[in-house]
Amino acid sequence: MPDTANARRLLTQAAFAADGVARLPLARAIVWARLRHQMGVLHRIGRRDSGADTEASCNTIRGLSEDAAHGTGTDEHLGLEGAASIAYFEALSRLVPENVSFQGRSRRPPKDLVNAAFSDAYAILLSECTDALIAAGLEPSLGVPHASTDKRPSLSLHLMEEFRPLPVDGYEATMQWHLKGALPGYEWSGAAWR
């Protein structure tokens, strides 16, 4: 008799992804965890520089995480997550050495070497999350708060949100702090870092 566990798992996942009420607690937990990790990274990096003011940004993110704990819809959680990201990356931009060009998050294309490093590391993390979901028998395109689409792995994208601050952002900021932005041989060509 053929094993139908994978088909049942995918049908259950599809029903869960389509049910806004059922997926809300998971969306809430993922957003809350990401915001808490962002505060942890800011506190850890801010301790290195006694003149760094991370408290205002952490208070903003803390307030948004409290709002996320009581959010009533996935769109609200995505908005809170976006507002927290703005505060977070603005704070990170103040924590890197002065000679490092980083004015906040930019993508497609990254406007500086720090953003290029973030994008590269995020792509690796996305690949790892997608591989883990496939290995678990789940469909990466069936998202929780992000809309499910054939064009992107929505579940993978949201799964990696919780992990981005710790292994990627913290590492990248630490690397910039230690290297003082000096990565010989890389320069902006107008379209990409080479």
C-alpha atoms as a PDB file:
ATOM      1  CA  MET A   1       0.000   0.000   0.000  1.00  0.00           C
ATOM      2  CA  PRO A   2       1.491   3.398  -0.979  1.00  0.00           C
ATOM      3  CA  ASP A   3       2.421   5.874   1.741  1.00  0.00           C
ATOM      4  CA  THR A   4       0.052   8.849   1.657  1.00  0.00           C
ATOM      5  CA  ALA A   5       1.559  10.676   4.633  1.00  0.00           C
ATOM      6  CA  ASN A   6       3.222  13.287   2.429  1.00  0.00           C
ATOM      7  CA  ALA A   7      -0.030  14.050   0.583  1.00  0.00           C
ATOM      8  CA  ARG A   8      -1.923  14.354   3.886  1.00  0.00           C
ATOM      9  CA  ARG A   9       0.815  16.599   5.257  1.00  0.00           C
ATOM     10  CA  LEU A  10       0.631  18.907   2.223  1.00  0.00           C
ATOM     11  CA  LEU A  11      -3.178  19.053   2.356  1.00  0.00           C
ATOM     12  CA  THR A  12      -3.032  19.905   6.061  1.00  0.00           C
ATOM     13  CA  GLN A  13      -0.414  22.574   5.399  1.00  0.00           C
ATOM     14  CA  ALA A  14      -2.494  24.081   2.569  1.00  0.00           C
ATOM     15  CA  ALA A  15      -5.611  24.201   4.768  1.00  0.00           C
ATOM     16  CA  PHE A  16      -3.612  25.808   7.586  1.00  0.00           C
ATOM     17  CA  ALA A  17      -2.095  28.418   5.228  1.00  0.00           C
ATOM     18  CA  ALA A  18      -5.567  29.315   3.959  1.00  0.00           C
ATOM     19  CA  ASP A  19      -7.082  29.689   7.456  1.00  0.00           C
ATOM     20  CA  GLY A  20      -6.263  33.177   8.756  1.00  0.00           C
ATOM     21  CA  VAL A  21      -7.563  32.424  12.251  1.00  0.00           C
ATOM     22  CA  ALA A  22      -5.605  29.176  12.640  1.00  0.00           C
ATOM     23  CA  ARG A  23      -2.308  30.633  11.404  1.00  0.00           C
ATOM     24  CA  LEU A  24      -2.489  33.824  13.503  1.00  0.00           C
ATOM     25  CA  PRO A  25      -0.820  32.356  16.646  1.00  0.00           C
ATOM     26  CA  LEU A  26       2.120  31.080  14.591  1.00  0.00           C
ATOM     27  CA  ALA A  27       2.463  34.389  12.736  1.00  0.00           C
ATOM     28  CA  ARG A  28       2.338  36.231  16.052  1.00  0.00           C
ATOM     29  CA  ALA A  29       5.017  33.983  17.581  1.00  0.00           C
ATOM     30  CA  ILE A  30       7.380  34.316  14.617  1.00  0.00           C
ATOM     31  CA  VAL A  31       7.121  38.113  14.485  1.00  0.00           C
ATOM     32  CA  TRP A  32       7.485  38.410  18.271  1.00  0.00           C
ATOM     33  CA  ALA A  33      10.604  36.195  18.254  1.00  0.00           C
ATOM     34  CA  ARG A  34      12.234  38.165  15.445  1.00  0.00           C
ATOM     35  CA  LEU A  35      11.687  41.466  17.240  1.00  0.00           C
ATOM     36  CA  ARG A  36      13.083  40.063  20.493  1.00  0.00           C
ATOM     37  CA  HIS A  37      16.169  38.811  18.633  1.00  0.00           C
ATOM     38  CA  GLN A  38      16.622  42.235  17.014  1.00  0.00           C
ATOM     39  CA  MET A  39      16.669  43.867  20.453  1.00  0.00           C
ATOM     40  CA  GLY A  40      19.213  41.300  21.637  1.00  0.00           C
ATOM     41  CA  VAL A  41      21.532  42.061  18.714  1.00  0.00           C
ATOM     42  CA  LEU A  42      21.280  45.817  19.317  1.00  0.00           C
ATOM     43  CA  HIS A  43      22.013  45.409  23.026  1.00  0.00           C
ATOM     44  CA  ARG A  44      24.971  43.110  22.371  1.00  0.00           C
ATOM     45  CA  ILE A  45      26.537  45.341  19.722  1.00  0.00           C
ATOM     46  CA  GLY A  46      25.699  48.521  21.632  1.00  0.00           C
ATOM     47  CA  ARG A  47      27.653  47.293  24.670  1.00  0.00           C
ATOM     48  CA  ARG A  48      30.873  47.591  22.666  1.00  0.00           C
ATOM     49  CA  ASP A  49      30.469  51.329  22.234  1.00  0.00           C
ATOM     50  CA  SER A  50      29.641  53.293  25.362  1.00  0.00           C
ATOM     51  CA  GLY A  51      28.505  56.229  23.205  1.00  0.00           C
ATOM     52  CA  ALA A  52      26.016  54.144  21.213  1.00  0.00           C
ATOM     53  CA  ASP A  53      22.368  54.853  21.900  1.00  0.00           C
ATOM     54  CA  THR A  54      20.464  51.644  21.274  1.00  0.00           C
ATOM     55  CA  GLU A  55      17.921  52.140  24.046  1.00  0.00           C
ATOM     56  CA  ALA A  56      15.544  54.359  22.030  1.00  0.00           C
ATOM     57  CA  SER A  57      15.495  51.888  19.138  1.00  0.00           C
ATOM     58  CA  CYS A  58      15.078  48.950  21.524  1.00  0.00           C
ATOM     59  CA  ASN A  59      12.173  50.735  23.226  1.00  0.00           C
ATOM     60  CA  THR A  60      10.528  51.266  19.834  1.00  0.00           C
ATOM     61  CA  ILE A  61      10.989  47.602  18.903  1.00  0.00           C
ATOM     62  CA  ARG A  62       9.854  46.496  22.385  1.00  0.00           C
ATOM     63  CA  GLY A  63       6.625  48.471  21.977  1.00  0.00           C
ATOM     64  CA  LEU A  64       6.066  46.944  18.549  1.00  0.00           C
ATOM     65  CA  SER A  65       6.696  43.445  19.933  1.00  0.00           C
ATOM     66  CA  GLU A  66       4.080  44.065  22.634  1.00  0.00           C
ATOM     67  CA  ASP A  67       1.669  45.157  19.904  1.00  0.00           C
ATOM     68  CA  ALA A  68       2.550  41.989  17.961  1.00  0.00           C
ATOM     69  CA  ALA A  69       1.693  39.837  20.983  1.00  0.00           C
ATOM     70  CA  HIS A  70      -1.872  41.148  20.748  1.00  0.00           C
ATOM     71  CA  GLY A  71      -2.175  41.655  16.982  1.00  0.00           C
ATOM     72  CA  THR A  72      -5.428  40.608  15.392  1.00  0.00           C
ATOM     73  CA  GLY A  73      -4.370  39.879  11.820  1.00  0.00           C
ATOM     74  CA  THR A  74      -1.454  38.865   9.642  1.00  0.00           C
ATOM     75  CA  ASP A  75      -1.446  42.203   7.804  1.00  0.00           C
ATOM     76  CA  GLU A  76      -1.063  43.980  11.137  1.00  0.00           C
ATOM     77  CA  HIS A  77       1.854  41.714  12.046  1.00  0.00           C
ATOM     78  CA  LEU A  78       3.577  42.386   8.738  1.00  0.00           C
ATOM     79  CA  GLY A  79       3.197  46.133   9.336  1.00  0.00           C
ATOM     80  CA  LEU A  80       4.648  45.844  12.845  1.00  0.00           C
ATOM     81  CA  GLU A  81       7.500  43.740  11.507  1.00  0.00           C
ATOM     82  CA  GLY A  82       8.241  46.367   8.838  1.00  0.00           C
ATOM     83  CA  ALA A  83       8.195  49.249  11.347  1.00  0.00           C
ATOM     84  CA  ALA A  84      10.547  47.324  13.629  1.00  0.00           C
ATOM     85  CA  SER A  85      12.925  46.634  10.728  1.00  0.00           C
ATOM     86  CA  ILE A  86      13.184  50.340   9.961  1.00  0.00           C
ATOM     87  CA  ALA A  87      14.062  51.139  13.594  1.00  0.00           C
ATOM     88  CA  TYR A  88      16.445  48.180  13.766  1.00  0.00           C
ATOM     89  CA  PHE A  89      18.463  48.958  10.636  1.00  0.00           C
ATOM     90  CA  GLU A  90      18.615  52.667  11.514  1.00  0.00           C
ATOM     91  CA  ALA A  91      20.133  51.664  14.858  1.00  0.00           C
ATOM     92  CA  LEU A  92      22.556  49.243  13.192  1.00  0.00           C
ATOM     93  CA  SER A  93      23.687  52.004  10.837  1.00  0.00           C
ATOM     94  CA  ARG A  94      24.682  54.086  13.880  1.00  0.00           C
ATOM     95  CA  LEU A  95      26.664  51.198  15.393  1.00  0.00           C
ATOM     96  CA  VAL A  96      29.072  50.485  12.557  1.00  0.00           C
ATOM     97  CA  PRO A  97      32.409  52.336  12.454  1.00  0.00           C
ATOM     98  CA  GLU A  98      32.311  55.831  10.954  1.00  0.00           C
ATOM     99  CA  ASN A  99      34.324  54.877   7.890  1.00  0.00           C
ATOM    100  CA  VAL A 100      31.806  52.157   6.954  1.00  0.00           C
ATOM    101  CA  SER A 101      29.203  53.238   4.424  1.00  0.00           C
ATOM    102  CA  PHE A 102      25.868  51.939   5.716  1.00  0.00           C
ATOM    103  CA  GLN A 103      22.806  54.176   5.814  1.00  0.00           C
ATOM    104  CA  GLY A 104      20.281  51.427   6.489  1.00  0.00           C
ATOM    105  CA  ARG A 105      18.961  48.429   4.602  1.00  0.00           C
ATOM    106  CA  SER A 106      18.875  48.552   0.805  1.00  0.00           C
ATOM    107  CA  ARG A 107      18.337  45.750  -1.693  1.00  0.00           C
ATOM    108  CA  ARG A 108      18.068  45.077  -5.379  1.00  0.00           C
ATOM    109  CA  PRO A 109      20.795  46.182  -5.759  1.00  0.00           C
ATOM    110  CA  PRO A 110      22.512  46.654  -2.404  1.00  0.00           C
ATOM    111  CA  LYS A 111      23.876  50.208  -2.255  1.00  0.00           C
ATOM    112  CA  ASP A 112      26.950  49.448  -0.150  1.00  0.00           C
ATOM    113  CA  LEU A 113      29.179  46.574   0.860  1.00  0.00           C
ATOM    114  CA  VAL A 114      27.376  46.005   4.173  1.00  0.00           C
ATOM    115  CA  ASN A 115      24.052  45.558   2.372  1.00  0.00           C
ATOM    116  CA  ALA A 116      25.713  43.285  -0.183  1.00  0.00           C
ATOM    117  CA  ALA A 117      26.983  41.140   2.701  1.00  0.00           C
ATOM    118  CA  PHE A 118      23.516  41.089   4.294  1.00  0.00           C
ATOM    119  CA  SER A 119      21.896  40.065   0.995  1.00  0.00           C
ATOM    120  CA  ASP A 120      24.427  37.311   0.415  1.00  0.00           C
ATOM    121  CA  ALA A 121      24.023  35.894   3.923  1.00  0.00           C
ATOM    122  CA  TYR A 122      20.217  36.141   3.734  1.00  0.00           C
ATOM    123  CA  ALA A 123      20.262  34.194   0.449  1.00  0.00           C
ATOM    124  CA  ILE A 124      22.266  31.414   2.105  1.00  0.00           C
ATOM    125  CA  LEU A 125      19.912  31.357   5.115  1.00  0.00           C
ATOM    126  CA  LEU A 126      16.877  31.275   2.783  1.00  0.00           C
ATOM    127  CA  SER A 127      18.355  28.287   0.953  1.00  0.00           C
ATOM    128  CA  GLU A 128      18.953  26.467   4.255  1.00  0.00           C
ATOM    129  CA  CYS A 129      15.381  27.166   5.427  1.00  0.00           C
ATOM    130  CA  THR A 130      13.934  25.992   2.110  1.00  0.00           C
ATOM    131  CA  ASP A 131      15.993  22.790   2.229  1.00  0.00           C
ATOM    132  CA  ALA A 132      14.886  22.126   5.825  1.00  0.00           C
ATOM    133  CA  LEU A 133      11.204  22.582   4.935  1.00  0.00           C
ATOM    134  CA  ILE A 134      11.501  20.246   1.954  1.00  0.00           C
ATOM    135  CA  ALA A 135      13.309  17.666   4.101  1.00  0.00           C
ATOM    136  CA  ALA A 136      10.425  17.880   6.586  1.00  0.00           C
ATOM    137  CA  GLY A 137       7.935  17.249   3.779  1.00  0.00           C
ATOM    138  CA  LEU A 138       6.496  20.782   3.762  1.00  0.00           C
ATOM    139  CA  GLU A 139       5.864  23.055   0.795  1.00  0.00           C
ATOM    140  CA  PRO A 140       8.050  26.207   1.051  1.00  0.00           C
ATOM    141  CA  SER A 141       5.645  28.353  -0.999  1.00  0.00           C
ATOM    142  CA  LEU A 142       2.676  27.908   1.391  1.00  0.00           C
ATOM    143  CA  GLY A 143       3.242  30.833   3.735  1.00  0.00           C
ATOM    144  CA  VAL A 144       1.972  31.796   7.153  1.00  0.00           C
ATOM    145  CA  PRO A 145       1.721  35.595   7.253  1.00  0.00           C
ATOM    146  CA  HIS A 146       3.319  36.159   3.841  1.00  0.00           C
ATOM    147  CA  ALA A 147       0.982  35.450   0.953  1.00  0.00           C
ATOM    148  CA  SER A 148       1.408  32.057  -0.650  1.00  0.00           C
ATOM    149  CA  THR A 149       2.666  32.337  -4.197  1.00  0.00           C
ATOM    150  CA  ASP A 150       4.407  30.255  -6.816  1.00  0.00           C
ATOM    151  CA  LYS A 151       6.995  32.992  -7.316  1.00  0.00           C
ATOM    152  CA  ARG A 152       8.679  32.860  -3.909  1.00  0.00           C
ATOM    153  CA  PRO A 153       9.111  30.454  -1.001  1.00  0.00           C
ATOM    154  CA  SER A 154       6.820  32.357   1.390  1.00  0.00           C
ATOM    155  CA  LEU A 155       7.078  29.893   4.279  1.00  0.00           C
ATOM    156  CA  SER A 156      10.865  29.810   3.944  1.00  0.00           C
ATOM    157  CA  LEU A 157      10.992  33.603   3.988  1.00  0.00           C
ATOM    158  CA  HIS A 158       8.991  33.802   7.161  1.00  0.00           C
ATOM    159  CA  LEU A 159      10.825  30.940   8.845  1.00  0.00           C
ATOM    160  CA  MET A 160      14.142  32.705   8.268  1.00  0.00           C
ATOM    161  CA  GLU A 161      12.819  35.967   9.782  1.00  0.00           C
ATOM    162  CA  GLU A 162      13.212  34.593  13.282  1.00  0.00           C
ATOM    163  CA  PHE A 163      16.797  33.571  12.614  1.00  0.00           C
ATOM    164  CA  ARG A 164      18.071  36.554  10.605  1.00  0.00           C
ATOM    165  CA  PRO A 165      19.066  38.772  13.542  1.00  0.00           C
ATOM    166  CA  LEU A 166      21.226  36.221  15.353  1.00  0.00           C
ATOM    167  CA  PRO A 167      23.406  34.387  12.847  1.00  0.00           C
ATOM    168  CA  VAL A 168      23.373  36.988  10.071  1.00  0.00           C
ATOM    169  CA  ASP A 169      22.869  40.529  11.375  1.00  0.00           C
ATOM    170  CA  GLY A 170      24.923  40.062  14.517  1.00  0.00           C
ATOM    171  CA  TYR A 171      27.732  38.407  12.579  1.00  0.00           C
ATOM    172  CA  GLU A 172      27.748  41.033   9.821  1.00  0.00           C
ATOM    173  CA  ALA A 173      27.774  43.934  12.286  1.00  0.00           C
ATOM    174  CA  THR A 174      30.557  42.275  14.297  1.00  0.00           C
ATOM    175  CA  MET A 175      32.573  41.717  11.122  1.00  0.00           C
ATOM    176  CA  GLN A 176      32.191  45.380  10.129  1.00  0.00           C
ATOM    177  CA  TRP A 177      33.202  46.458  13.624  1.00  0.00           C
ATOM    178  CA  HIS A 178      36.372  44.374  13.568  1.00  0.00           C
ATOM    179  CA  LEU A 179      37.323  45.020   9.942  1.00  0.00           C
ATOM    180  CA  LYS A 180      36.388  48.706  10.199  1.00  0.00           C
ATOM    181  CA  GLY A 181      34.858  48.411   6.737  1.00  0.00           C
ATOM    182  CA  ALA A 182      38.157  47.484   5.095  1.00  0.00           C
ATOM    183  CA  LEU A 183      37.598  44.756   2.549  1.00  0.00           C
ATOM    184  CA  PRO A 184      40.345  45.258  -0.012  1.00  0.00           C
ATOM    185  CA  GLY A 185      39.544  44.522  -3.606  1.00  0.00           C
ATOM    186  CA  TYR A 186      35.810  45.285  -3.493  1.00  0.00           C
ATOM    187  CA  GLU A 187      34.336  48.339  -5.139  1.00  0.00           C
ATOM    188  CA  TRP A 188      30.971  49.501  -6.449  1.00  0.00           C
ATOM    189  CA  SER A 189      30.728  49.242 -10.217  1.00  0.00           C
ATOM    190  CA  GLY A 190      27.445  51.118 -10.485  1.00  0.00           C
ATOM    191  CA  ALA A 191      25.421  47.902 -10.625  1.00  0.00           C
ATOM    192  CA  ALA A 192      27.080  45.524  -8.170  1.00  0.00           C
ATOM    193  CA  TRP A 193      29.961  45.073  -5.741  1.00  0.00           C
ATOM    194  CA  ARG A 194      32.953  43.445  -7.411  1.00  0.00           C
END
